[in-house]
Amino acid sequence: MFDALSEETQLVLVVIGIALLFLIVKWNSGRNKKKLYDRDKRDFRKNYFKKKKK
């Protein structure tokens, strides 16, 4: 698949691919952290019963 491209082009595509994957992982990690830390004082029992009422 990459045989038709020059070695420089392959290297550039690999670097761009790795950078893109890094950004996706960083974005997802931030999103997950936000979900955890935006809870009410990070008290599991309180949050559980609050969600159970809804």
PDB file of N, CA and C in Angstrom:
ATOM      1  N   MET A   1       0.829  -1.183   0.000  1.00  0.00           N
ATOM      2  CA  MET A   1       0.000   0.000   0.000  1.00  0.00           C
ATOM      3  C   MET A   1       0.882   1.259   0.000  1.00  0.00           C
ATOM      4  N   PHE A   2       1.873   1.282   0.885  1.00  0.00           N
ATOM      5  CA  PHE A   2       2.764   2.433   0.960  1.00  0.00           C
ATOM      6  C   PHE A   2       3.970   2.297   0.045  1.00  0.00           C
ATOM      7  N   ASP A   3       4.060   1.207  -0.680  1.00  0.00           N
ATOM      8  CA  ASP A   3       5.223   0.980  -1.538  1.00  0.00           C
ATOM      9  C   ASP A   3       5.309   2.004  -2.664  1.00  0.00           C
ATOM     10  N   ALA A   4       4.172   2.520  -3.100  1.00  0.00           N
ATOM     11  CA  ALA A   4       4.166   3.475  -4.207  1.00  0.00           C
ATOM     12  C   ALA A   4       4.649   4.852  -3.764  1.00  0.00           C
ATOM     13  N   LEU A   5       4.660   5.118  -2.468  1.00  0.00           N
ATOM     14  CA  LEU A   5       5.079   6.427  -1.957  1.00  0.00           C
ATOM     15  C   LEU A   5       6.573   6.410  -1.633  1.00  0.00           C
ATOM     16  N   SER A   6       7.181   7.573  -1.693  1.00  0.00           N
ATOM     17  CA  SER A   6       8.601   7.655  -1.364  1.00  0.00           C
ATOM     18  C   SER A   6       8.797   7.465   0.139  1.00  0.00           C
ATOM     19  N   GLU A   7      10.030   7.200   0.533  1.00  0.00           N
ATOM     20  CA  GLU A   7      10.327   6.960   1.950  1.00  0.00           C
ATOM     21  C   GLU A   7      10.028   8.193   2.793  1.00  0.00           C
ATOM     22  N   GLU A   8      10.302   9.375   2.253  1.00  0.00           N
ATOM     23  CA  GLU A   8      10.026  10.615   2.987  1.00  0.00           C
ATOM     24  C   GLU A   8       8.537  10.789   3.223  1.00  0.00           C
ATOM     25  N   THR A   9       7.742  10.506   2.205  1.00  0.00           N
ATOM     26  CA  THR A   9       6.292  10.631   2.326  1.00  0.00           C
ATOM     27  C   THR A   9       5.757   9.620   3.337  1.00  0.00           C
ATOM     28  N   GLN A  10       6.282   8.411   3.312  1.00  0.00           N
ATOM     29  CA  GLN A  10       5.871   7.400   4.287  1.00  0.00           C
ATOM     30  C   GLN A  10       6.179   7.855   5.703  1.00  0.00           C
ATOM     31  N   LEU A  11       7.363   8.417   5.902  1.00  0.00           N
ATOM     32  CA  LEU A  11       7.772   8.892   7.219  1.00  0.00           C
ATOM     33  C   LEU A  11       6.854  10.018   7.692  1.00  0.00           C
ATOM     34  N   VAL A  12       6.530  10.945   6.807  1.00  0.00           N
ATOM     35  CA  VAL A  12       5.633  12.055   7.154  1.00  0.00           C
ATOM     36  C   VAL A  12       4.253  11.520   7.533  1.00  0.00           C
ATOM     37  N   LEU A  13       3.745  10.568   6.765  1.00  0.00           N
ATOM     38  CA  LEU A  13       2.427   9.999   7.067  1.00  0.00           C
ATOM     39  C   LEU A  13       2.419   9.260   8.403  1.00  0.00           C
ATOM     40  N   VAL A  14       3.491   8.553   8.712  1.00  0.00           N
ATOM     41  CA  VAL A  14       3.588   7.840   9.984  1.00  0.00           C
ATOM     42  C   VAL A  14       3.603   8.830  11.145  1.00  0.00           C
ATOM     43  N   VAL A  15       4.388   9.900  11.011  1.00  0.00           N
ATOM     44  CA  VAL A  15       4.464  10.912  12.074  1.00  0.00           C
ATOM     45  C   VAL A  15       3.103  11.577  12.265  1.00  0.00           C
ATOM     46  N   ILE A  16       2.428  11.914  11.179  1.00  0.00           N
ATOM     47  CA  ILE A  16       1.097  12.523  11.270  1.00  0.00           C
ATOM     48  C   ILE A  16       0.116  11.549  11.912  1.00  0.00           C
ATOM     49  N   GLY A  17       0.190  10.279  11.551  1.00  0.00           N
ATOM     50  CA  GLY A  17      -0.692   9.266  12.136  1.00  0.00           C
ATOM     51  C   GLY A  17      -0.479   9.121  13.638  1.00  0.00           C
ATOM     52  N   ILE A  18       0.776   9.077  14.060  1.00  0.00           N
ATOM     53  CA  ILE A  18       1.073   8.948  15.491  1.00  0.00           C
ATOM     54  C   ILE A  18       0.600  10.188  16.243  1.00  0.00           C
ATOM     55  N   ALA A  19       0.821  11.375  15.655  1.00  0.00           N
ATOM     56  CA  ALA A  19       0.374  12.619  16.297  1.00  0.00           C
ATOM     57  C   ALA A  19      -1.144  12.645  16.412  1.00  0.00           C
ATOM     58  N   LEU A  20      -1.833  12.183  15.385  1.00  0.00           N
ATOM     59  CA  LEU A  20      -3.293  12.147  15.410  1.00  0.00           C
ATOM     60  C   LEU A  20      -3.800  11.198  16.493  1.00  0.00           C
ATOM     61  N   LEU A  21      -3.198  10.020  16.584  1.00  0.00           N
ATOM     62  CA  LEU A  21      -3.585   9.070  17.631  1.00  0.00           C
ATOM     63  C   LEU A  21      -3.318   9.636  19.020  1.00  0.00           C
ATOM     64  N   PHE A  22      -2.178  10.315  19.190  1.00  0.00           N
ATOM     65  CA  PHE A  22      -1.861  10.942  20.471  1.00  0.00           C
ATOM     66  C   PHE A  22      -2.916  11.972  20.853  1.00  0.00           C
ATOM     67  N   LEU A  23      -3.325  12.803  19.906  1.00  0.00           N
ATOM     68  CA  LEU A  23      -4.335  13.825  20.190  1.00  0.00           C
ATOM     69  C   LEU A  23      -5.686  13.208  20.541  1.00  0.00           C
ATOM     70  N   ILE A  24      -6.048  12.126  19.871  1.00  0.00           N
ATOM     71  CA  ILE A  24      -7.316  11.452  20.169  1.00  0.00           C
ATOM     72  C   ILE A  24      -7.282  10.869  21.580  1.00  0.00           C
ATOM     73  N   VAL A  25      -6.179  10.232  21.952  1.00  0.00           N
ATOM     74  CA  VAL A  25      -6.059   9.648  23.296  1.00  0.00           C
ATOM     75  C   VAL A  25      -6.076  10.746  24.355  1.00  0.00           C
ATOM     76  N   LYS A  26      -5.370  11.855  24.096  1.00  0.00           N
ATOM     77  CA  LYS A  26      -5.331  12.973  25.045  1.00  0.00           C
ATOM     78  C   LYS A  26      -6.718  13.574  25.220  1.00  0.00           C
ATOM     79  N   TRP A  27      -7.446  13.766  24.146  1.00  0.00           N
ATOM     80  CA  TRP A  27      -8.803  14.313  24.198  1.00  0.00           C
ATOM     81  C   TRP A  27      -9.723  13.382  24.987  1.00  0.00           C
ATOM     82  N   ASN A  28      -9.640  12.084  24.741  1.00  0.00           N
ATOM     83  CA  ASN A  28     -10.487  11.120  25.428  1.00  0.00           C
ATOM     84  C   ASN A  28     -10.150  11.060  26.910  1.00  0.00           C
ATOM     85  N   SER A  29      -8.886  11.121  27.239  1.00  0.00           N
ATOM     86  CA  SER A  29      -8.461  11.100  28.637  1.00  0.00           C
ATOM     87  C   SER A  29      -8.991  12.327  29.379  1.00  0.00           C
ATOM     88  N   GLY A  30      -8.898  13.471  28.749  1.00  0.00           N
ATOM     89  CA  GLY A  30      -9.435  14.692  29.353  1.00  0.00           C
ATOM     90  C   GLY A  30     -10.930  14.615  29.555  1.00  0.00           C
ATOM     91  N   ARG A  31     -11.615  14.035  28.588  1.00  0.00           N
ATOM     92  CA  ARG A  31     -13.068  13.884  28.695  1.00  0.00           C
ATOM     93  C   ARG A  31     -13.432  12.961  29.848  1.00  0.00           C
ATOM     94  N   ASN A  32     -12.705  11.856  29.985  1.00  0.00           N
ATOM     95  CA  ASN A  32     -12.971  10.924  31.073  1.00  0.00           C
ATOM     96  C   ASN A  32     -12.673  11.554  32.420  1.00  0.00           C
ATOM     97  N   LYS A  33     -11.589  12.313  32.506  1.00  0.00           N
ATOM     98  CA  LYS A  33     -11.231  12.971  33.761  1.00  0.00           C
ATOM     99  C   LYS A  33     -12.300  13.985  34.146  1.00  0.00           C
ATOM    100  N   LYS A  34     -12.809  14.706  33.157  1.00  0.00           N
ATOM    101  CA  LYS A  34     -13.854  15.699  33.420  1.00  0.00           C
ATOM    102  C   LYS A  34     -15.109  15.015  33.970  1.00  0.00           C
ATOM    103  N   LYS A  35     -15.457  13.865  33.434  1.00  0.00           N
ATOM    104  CA  LYS A  35     -16.624  13.129  33.919  1.00  0.00           C
ATOM    105  C   LYS A  35     -16.437  12.729  35.382  1.00  0.00           C
ATOM    106  N   LEU A  36     -15.220  12.321  35.742  1.00  0.00           N
ATOM    107  CA  LEU A  36     -14.974  11.879  37.113  1.00  0.00           C
ATOM    108  C   LEU A  36     -14.942  13.042  38.096  1.00  0.00           C
ATOM    109  N   TYR A  37     -14.307  14.140  37.719  1.00  0.00           N
ATOM    110  CA  TYR A  37     -14.085  15.228  38.659  1.00  0.00           C
ATOM    111  C   TYR A  37     -15.238  16.218  38.721  1.00  0.00           C
ATOM    112  N   ASP A  38     -16.181  16.153  37.807  1.00  0.00           N
ATOM    113  CA  ASP A  38     -17.319  17.063  37.853  1.00  0.00           C
ATOM    114  C   ASP A  38     -18.476  16.510  38.681  1.00  0.00           C
ATOM    115  N   ARG A  39     -18.269  15.402  39.322  1.00  0.00           N
ATOM    116  CA  ARG A  39     -19.316  14.860  40.180  1.00  0.00           C
ATOM    117  C   ARG A  39     -19.372  15.643  41.483  1.00  0.00           C
ATOM    118  N   ASP A  40     -20.450  15.475  42.234  1.00  0.00           N
ATOM    119  CA  ASP A  40     -20.626  16.186  43.500  1.00  0.00           C
ATOM    120  C   ASP A  40     -19.633  15.685  44.529  1.00  0.00           C
ATOM    121  N   LYS A  41     -18.573  16.405  44.726  1.00  0.00           N
ATOM    122  CA  LYS A  41     -17.556  16.136  45.737  1.00  0.00           C
ATOM    123  C   LYS A  41     -16.997  14.716  45.678  1.00  0.00           C
ATOM    124  N   ARG A  42     -17.146  14.075  44.541  1.00  0.00           N
ATOM    125  CA  ARG A  42     -16.577  12.739  44.313  1.00  0.00           C
ATOM    126  C   ARG A  42     -16.998  11.731  45.379  1.00  0.00           C
ATOM    127  N   ASP A  43     -18.196  11.889  45.928  1.00  0.00           N
ATOM    128  CA  ASP A  43     -18.729  10.974  46.939  1.00  0.00           C
ATOM    129  C   ASP A  43     -19.600   9.928  46.224  1.00  0.00           C
ATOM    130  N   PHE A  44     -19.111   8.706  46.152  1.00  0.00           N
ATOM    131  CA  PHE A  44     -19.794   7.681  45.370  1.00  0.00           C
ATOM    132  C   PHE A  44     -21.208   7.418  45.893  1.00  0.00           C
ATOM    133  N   ARG A  45     -21.360   7.268  47.191  1.00  0.00           N
ATOM    134  CA  ARG A  45     -22.665   6.938  47.771  1.00  0.00           C
ATOM    135  C   ARG A  45     -23.687   8.033  47.470  1.00  0.00           C
ATOM    136  N   LYS A  46     -23.289   9.278  47.657  1.00  0.00           N
ATOM    137  CA  LYS A  46     -24.188  10.410  47.407  1.00  0.00           C
ATOM    138  C   LYS A  46     -24.593  10.453  45.931  1.00  0.00           C
ATOM    139  N   ASN A  47     -23.631  10.272  45.051  1.00  0.00           N
ATOM    140  CA  ASN A  47     -23.921  10.295  43.618  1.00  0.00           C
ATOM    141  C   ASN A  47     -24.798   9.119  43.205  1.00  0.00           C
ATOM    142  N   TYR A  48     -24.568   7.978  43.795  1.00  0.00           N
ATOM    143  CA  TYR A  48     -25.346   6.786  43.463  1.00  0.00           C
ATOM    144  C   TYR A  48     -26.825   6.991  43.802  1.00  0.00           C
ATOM    145  N   PHE A  49     -27.086   7.475  45.013  1.00  0.00           N
ATOM    146  CA  PHE A  49     -28.473   7.657  45.424  1.00  0.00           C
ATOM    147  C   PHE A  49     -29.129   8.810  44.664  1.00  0.00           C
ATOM    148  N   LYS A  50     -28.345   9.814  44.317  1.00  0.00           N
ATOM    149  CA  LYS A  50     -28.870  10.922  43.521  1.00  0.00           C
ATOM    150  C   LYS A  50     -29.310  10.430  42.145  1.00  0.00           C
ATOM    151  N   LYS A  51     -28.482   9.577  41.520  1.00  0.00           N
ATOM    152  CA  LYS A  51     -28.851   9.037  40.225  1.00  0.00           C
ATOM    153  C   LYS A  51     -30.004   8.046  40.346  1.00  0.00           C
ATOM    154  N   LYS A  52     -30.070   7.332  41.461  1.00  0.00           N
ATOM    155  CA  LYS A  52     -31.126   6.341  41.653  1.00  0.00           C
ATOM    156  C   LYS A  52     -32.491   7.023  41.761  1.00  0.00           C
ATOM    157  N   LYS A  53     -32.527   8.220  42.390  1.00  0.00           N
ATOM    158  CA  LYS A  53     -33.785   8.967  42.500  1.00  0.00           C
ATOM    159  C   LYS A  53     -34.315   9.350  41.127  1.00  0.00           C
ATOM    160  N   LYS A  54     -33.404   9.703  40.222  1.00  0.00           N
ATOM    161  CA  LYS A  54     -33.810  10.095  38.858  1.00  0.00           C
ATOM    162  C   LYS A  54     -34.247   8.867  38.119  1.00  0.00           C
TER     163      LYS A  54
END
